[in-house]
Amino acid sequence: MLTLRKGRYIARIAKTDADREAAQRLRVLAFRGAGGRNGGQTGGRTGGRIAGIAGGLDTDHFDADCVHVLVEDQQDGALVCCFRLLHLGSGAEIGRSYSAQFYELSALADFEGPMVEMGRFCIHPDRRDGDILRIAWGAMTAYVDAEGVEMLFGCASFHGTEARHYYDAFALLRDRHLAPKRWLPRVKAPSVFRFASRLRRKPDMKAAQAAMPPLLRTYLLMGGWVSDHAVIDDDMGTLHVFTGLEIRAVPPARARLLRGVAG
């Protein structure tokens, strides 16, 4: 059972219904509350079209099939971060994923190794400590190593549905971070922004980095790639891109840093 302590924080797998409900309450606060939509990850985000809020909980039918990871502050016991993991034996099971609701992922059906979808990633909107994201990725690294995972994927979100606010970020994704053609997701959702084909501008690097959600930025630093279009989710008030990371592509120096946290 994964348990990781670093500084004032502890990361652990949810064991009880109360643990899972605490995560579902944090998801409401982060994604739907006054401080919400913090650039997290849906499914690598929250709810979308099939999620529900009942009794102050953000829930959907994927929760029952997922491992839920909690990051808590050992000083005050507060839940400061959570995410869920859906384990797939190979790409042949990609249709079971949350992301498959929004993206046509048949190209990934040929991926032979174990995969994990990271979803519902969120940090408490009142917490700004960078160590929270670091221990979350340390916990993810420990899980990936223990389970022999070969690909990590999800949907990384931008706040709001106005693509024009993120043109530089999307131009950078187009120029440097598009998925390999063999894995490239195709359009499925009814409302999308096709940034790879529509944008003609060169990215302003400073503006692009400033607009990039922290979780997506971390994926990209590790060698991650994205779809060539963003899904416009009016229900959640976000744009999101499919994000994939082949574990073998993680730069050795970055892998050592992550395993240093995970160890």
Protein backbone atom coordinates (compact mmCIF):
# COMPACT_ATOMS: atom_id res chain seq x y z
CA MET A 1 0.00 0.00 0.00
CA LEU A 2 1.48 3.31 -1.12
CA THR A 3 2.39 5.69 1.71
CA LEU A 4 4.89 8.50 1.14
CA ARG A 5 6.03 11.15 3.63
CA LYS A 6 7.99 14.24 2.63
CA GLY A 7 8.33 17.23 4.93
CA ARG A 8 4.93 18.23 6.27
CA TYR A 9 2.96 16.16 3.73
CA ILE A 10 1.90 12.55 3.43
CA ALA A 11 0.57 10.86 0.29
CA ARG A 12 -1.48 7.70 0.67
CA ILE A 13 -4.11 5.61 -1.06
CA ALA A 14 -7.69 6.09 0.12
CA LYS A 15 -8.77 3.13 2.25
CA THR A 16 -12.30 3.93 3.35
CA ASP A 17 -15.52 5.46 2.07
CA ALA A 18 -14.74 8.48 4.24
CA ASP A 19 -11.37 8.90 2.48
CA ARG A 20 -13.03 8.83 -0.94
CA GLU A 21 -15.74 11.24 0.14
CA ALA A 22 -13.09 13.67 1.38
CA ALA A 23 -11.54 13.59 -2.10
CA GLN A 24 -14.94 14.12 -3.72
CA ARG A 25 -15.57 17.16 -1.49
CA LEU A 26 -12.19 18.64 -2.42
CA ARG A 27 -13.02 18.12 -6.09
CA VAL A 28 -16.19 20.18 -5.70
CA LEU A 29 -14.24 22.96 -4.01
CA ALA A 30 -11.42 22.93 -6.55
CA PHE A 31 -13.40 22.53 -9.75
CA ARG A 32 -16.83 23.96 -8.97
CA GLY A 33 -16.28 26.22 -5.96
CA ALA A 34 -15.43 29.89 -5.75
CA GLY A 35 -11.73 29.22 -6.16
CA GLY A 36 -12.22 26.40 -8.58
CA ARG A 37 -10.87 25.11 -11.85
CA ASN A 38 -7.26 25.36 -10.79
CA GLY A 39 -5.72 24.00 -13.95
CA GLY A 40 -6.02 20.42 -12.84
CA GLN A 41 -6.74 17.33 -14.78
CA THR A 42 -10.15 16.00 -15.68
CA GLY A 43 -10.54 12.28 -15.83
CA GLY A 44 -6.43 14.74 -15.81
CA ARG A 45 -9.98 17.15 -14.68
CA THR A 46 -13.27 16.86 -13.00
CA GLY A 47 -16.70 15.73 -13.88
CA GLY A 48 -17.63 16.67 -17.41
CA ARG A 49 -20.91 15.46 -18.80
CA ILE A 50 -21.50 12.45 -16.58
CA ALA A 51 -20.39 13.75 -13.20
CA GLY A 52 -22.86 14.67 -10.50
CA ILE A 53 -22.83 16.74 -7.35
CA ALA A 54 -24.92 15.21 -4.60
CA GLY A 55 -24.53 16.06 -0.96
CA GLY A 56 -21.55 18.27 -1.76
CA LEU A 57 -19.67 15.43 -3.47
CA ASP A 58 -18.31 15.34 -7.04
CA THR A 59 -18.92 11.79 -8.24
CA ASP A 60 -19.19 9.68 -11.36
CA HIS A 61 -19.24 5.99 -12.19
CA PHE A 62 -15.47 5.90 -12.82
CA ASP A 63 -14.75 6.44 -9.12
CA ALA A 64 -15.62 2.84 -8.24
CA ASP A 65 -12.96 1.46 -10.61
CA CYS A 66 -10.16 3.83 -9.56
CA VAL A 67 -7.45 3.99 -6.94
CA HIS A 68 -7.74 7.34 -5.14
CA VAL A 69 -4.58 9.07 -3.88
CA LEU A 70 -4.74 11.66 -1.09
CA VAL A 71 -2.09 14.20 -0.10
CA GLU A 72 -2.58 15.49 3.45
CA ASP A 73 -0.90 18.14 5.56
CA GLN A 74 0.48 16.35 8.62
CA GLN A 75 0.47 19.58 10.63
CA ASP A 76 -3.25 20.21 10.51
CA GLY A 77 -4.63 17.01 8.93
CA ALA A 78 -6.11 18.89 5.96
CA LEU A 79 -6.55 17.20 2.58
CA VAL A 80 -4.59 19.43 0.20
CA CYS A 81 -4.51 17.40 -3.03
CA CYS A 82 -6.11 14.34 -4.57
CA PHE A 83 -6.23 12.41 -7.81
CA ARG A 84 -7.47 9.06 -9.06
CA LEU A 85 -5.84 6.32 -11.11
CA LEU A 86 -7.57 3.98 -13.55
CA HIS A 87 -5.35 1.00 -14.40
CA LEU A 88 -5.66 -0.55 -17.87
CA GLY A 89 -3.91 -3.77 -18.82
CA SER A 90 -3.08 -2.40 -22.28
CA GLY A 91 -4.36 -0.05 -24.94
CA ALA A 92 -6.98 -2.63 -25.85
CA GLU A 93 -8.91 -1.34 -22.80
CA ILE A 94 -8.66 2.35 -23.73
CA GLY A 95 -12.40 2.55 -24.34
CA ARG A 96 -12.96 2.12 -20.58
CA SER A 97 -11.19 5.39 -19.84
CA TYR A 98 -12.73 8.72 -18.90
CA SER A 99 -10.80 10.37 -21.73
CA ALA A 100 -12.45 8.13 -24.33
CA GLN A 101 -15.69 10.10 -23.83
CA PHE A 102 -14.05 13.14 -25.40
CA TYR A 103 -11.34 11.81 -27.75
CA GLU A 104 -11.29 9.14 -30.44
CA LEU A 105 -8.45 6.99 -29.08
CA SER A 106 -8.43 3.96 -31.36
CA ALA A 107 -4.78 4.61 -32.28
CA LEU A 108 -3.81 3.88 -28.68
CA ALA A 109 -5.55 0.49 -28.79
CA ASP A 110 -2.31 -0.92 -30.20
CA PHE A 111 -0.27 0.13 -27.15
CA GLU A 112 0.83 -3.17 -25.64
CA GLY A 113 1.95 -2.26 -22.14
CA PRO A 114 0.05 -1.39 -18.94
CA MET A 115 -1.45 2.10 -18.87
CA VAL A 116 -2.82 4.36 -16.16
CA GLU A 117 -5.24 7.24 -16.59
CA MET A 118 -4.59 9.98 -14.05
CA GLY A 119 -7.70 11.99 -13.36
CA ARG A 120 -9.49 14.43 -11.11
CA PHE A 121 -6.15 15.93 -10.12
CA CYS A 122 -6.69 19.00 -7.96
CA ILE A 123 -4.98 21.02 -5.25
CA HIS A 124 -6.88 22.90 -2.58
CA PRO A 125 -7.37 26.44 -3.94
CA ASP A 126 -6.04 28.00 -0.71
CA ARG A 127 -2.76 26.06 -0.82
CA ARG A 128 0.19 27.39 -2.83
CA ASP A 129 3.08 25.24 -1.58
CA GLY A 130 5.05 23.76 -4.52
CA ASP A 131 5.91 20.73 -2.38
CA ILE A 132 2.31 19.55 -2.76
CA LEU A 133 2.74 19.02 -6.50
CA ARG A 134 6.14 17.44 -5.93
CA ILE A 135 4.90 14.84 -3.46
CA ALA A 136 1.89 14.12 -5.70
CA TRP A 137 4.24 13.32 -8.58
CA GLY A 138 6.41 11.30 -6.19
CA ALA A 139 3.38 9.21 -5.28
CA MET A 140 2.53 8.79 -8.96
CA THR A 141 6.11 7.68 -9.66
CA ALA A 142 5.99 5.11 -6.86
CA TYR A 143 2.73 3.71 -8.27
CA VAL A 144 4.06 3.61 -11.84
CA ASP A 145 7.19 1.76 -10.75
CA ALA A 146 5.33 -0.70 -8.52
CA GLU A 147 2.76 -1.57 -11.20
CA GLY A 148 5.08 -1.61 -14.22
CA VAL A 149 3.09 1.13 -15.96
CA GLU A 150 4.36 2.05 -19.43
CA MET A 151 2.06 4.96 -20.30
CA LEU A 152 0.41 7.66 -18.20
CA PHE A 153 -2.41 9.70 -19.73
CA GLY A 154 -5.35 11.99 -18.99
CA CYS A 155 -6.99 15.31 -19.90
CA ALA A 156 -5.18 18.48 -18.81
CA SER A 157 -7.41 21.53 -18.32
CA PHE A 158 -7.20 25.25 -18.94
CA HIS A 159 -9.55 27.55 -17.01
CA GLY A 160 -12.32 29.04 -19.13
CA THR A 161 -13.59 28.22 -22.61
CA GLU A 162 -12.10 31.17 -24.53
CA ALA A 163 -9.24 29.72 -26.55
CA ARG A 164 -7.94 33.20 -27.44
CA HIS A 165 -6.63 33.57 -23.89
CA TYR A 166 -4.27 30.66 -24.55
CA TYR A 167 -3.15 31.17 -28.13
CA ASP A 168 0.54 31.35 -27.17
CA ALA A 169 0.29 28.21 -25.03
CA PHE A 170 -1.53 26.35 -27.80
CA ALA A 171 1.01 27.54 -30.38
CA LEU A 172 3.80 26.16 -28.19
CA LEU A 173 1.98 22.84 -27.86
CA ARG A 174 1.57 22.76 -31.67
CA ASP A 175 5.25 23.46 -32.32
CA ARG A 176 6.89 21.24 -29.70
CA HIS A 177 4.52 18.82 -28.01
CA LEU A 178 2.08 17.17 -30.42
CA ALA A 179 1.51 13.44 -30.04
CA PRO A 180 3.42 11.10 -32.35
CA LYS A 181 1.26 10.31 -35.37
CA ARG A 182 0.96 6.67 -34.34
CA TRP A 183 -0.80 7.67 -31.07
CA LEU A 184 -2.53 10.89 -32.14
CA PRO A 185 -6.10 11.20 -30.76
CA ARG A 186 -8.79 12.17 -33.27
CA VAL A 187 -11.77 14.47 -32.80
CA LYS A 188 -14.82 13.01 -31.06
CA ALA A 189 -16.34 15.79 -28.94
CA PRO A 190 -18.89 18.07 -30.64
CA SER A 191 -17.12 21.29 -29.66
CA VAL A 192 -13.35 21.59 -30.12
CA PHE A 193 -10.63 24.12 -30.91
CA ARG A 194 -8.28 22.70 -33.57
CA PHE A 195 -5.22 24.69 -32.55
CA ALA A 196 -2.73 22.68 -34.61
CA SER A 197 -4.44 23.57 -37.87
CA ARG A 198 -6.01 26.95 -37.01
CA LEU A 199 -3.19 28.85 -35.33
CA ARG A 200 -0.59 30.53 -37.51
CA ARG A 201 1.22 32.62 -34.90
CA LYS A 202 4.60 31.94 -33.38
CA PRO A 203 4.36 31.53 -29.62
CA ASP A 204 5.55 34.19 -27.21
CA MET A 205 7.48 31.87 -24.91
CA LYS A 206 7.00 33.91 -21.75
CA ALA A 207 3.26 34.23 -22.32
CA ALA A 208 2.97 30.56 -23.27
CA GLN A 209 4.68 29.35 -20.11
CA ALA A 210 2.66 31.71 -17.93
CA ALA A 211 -0.60 30.38 -19.38
CA MET A 212 0.32 26.69 -19.17
CA PRO A 213 -1.43 24.84 -16.30
CA PRO A 214 1.12 23.55 -13.73
CA LEU A 215 0.12 19.91 -14.16
CA LEU A 216 0.46 20.08 -17.94
CA ARG A 217 3.78 21.90 -17.60
CA THR A 218 5.08 19.00 -15.51
CA TYR A 219 3.91 16.45 -18.08
CA LEU A 220 5.74 18.34 -20.82
CA LEU A 221 8.97 18.59 -18.80
CA MET A 222 8.91 14.79 -18.59
CA GLY A 223 8.48 14.34 -22.33
CA GLY A 224 4.69 14.27 -22.49
CA TRP A 225 2.67 15.05 -25.60
CA VAL A 226 -0.84 16.33 -26.37
CA SER A 227 -3.69 16.04 -28.84
CA ASP A 228 -3.83 18.46 -31.78
CA HIS A 229 -7.10 19.94 -30.54
CA ALA A 230 -8.66 21.10 -27.29
CA VAL A 231 -12.12 20.03 -26.15
CA ILE A 232 -14.43 22.87 -25.10
CA ASP A 233 -16.32 21.77 -21.99
CA ASP A 234 -19.07 24.30 -21.32
CA ASP A 235 -20.36 22.32 -18.35
CA MET A 236 -17.08 22.65 -16.46
CA GLY A 237 -16.08 25.96 -18.01
CA THR A 238 -12.76 24.59 -19.24
CA LEU A 239 -10.72 23.67 -22.28
CA HIS A 240 -8.75 20.45 -22.09
CA VAL A 241 -6.21 18.57 -24.15
CA PHE A 242 -5.48 14.85 -24.14
CA THR A 243 -2.07 14.32 -22.58
CA GLY A 244 0.11 11.23 -22.83
CA LEU A 245 3.47 10.25 -21.39
CA GLU A 246 5.43 7.15 -22.33
CA ILE A 247 7.40 6.28 -19.21
CA ARG A 248 10.48 5.19 -21.15
CA ALA A 249 10.63 8.69 -22.68
CA VAL A 250 11.09 10.45 -19.33
CA PRO A 251 14.56 12.09 -19.32
CA PRO A 252 16.92 10.19 -16.97
CA ALA A 253 17.68 13.27 -14.86
CA ARG A 254 13.98 13.96 -14.38
CA ALA A 255 13.31 10.32 -13.54
CA ARG A 256 16.04 10.41 -10.87
CA LEU A 257 14.48 13.49 -9.29
CA LEU A 258 11.05 11.89 -9.19
CA ARG A 259 12.36 8.64 -7.78
CA GLY A 260 14.27 10.63 -5.18
CA VAL A 261 10.92 11.99 -3.97
CA ALA A 262 9.21 8.60 -4.34
CA GLY A 263 11.97 6.82 -2.44
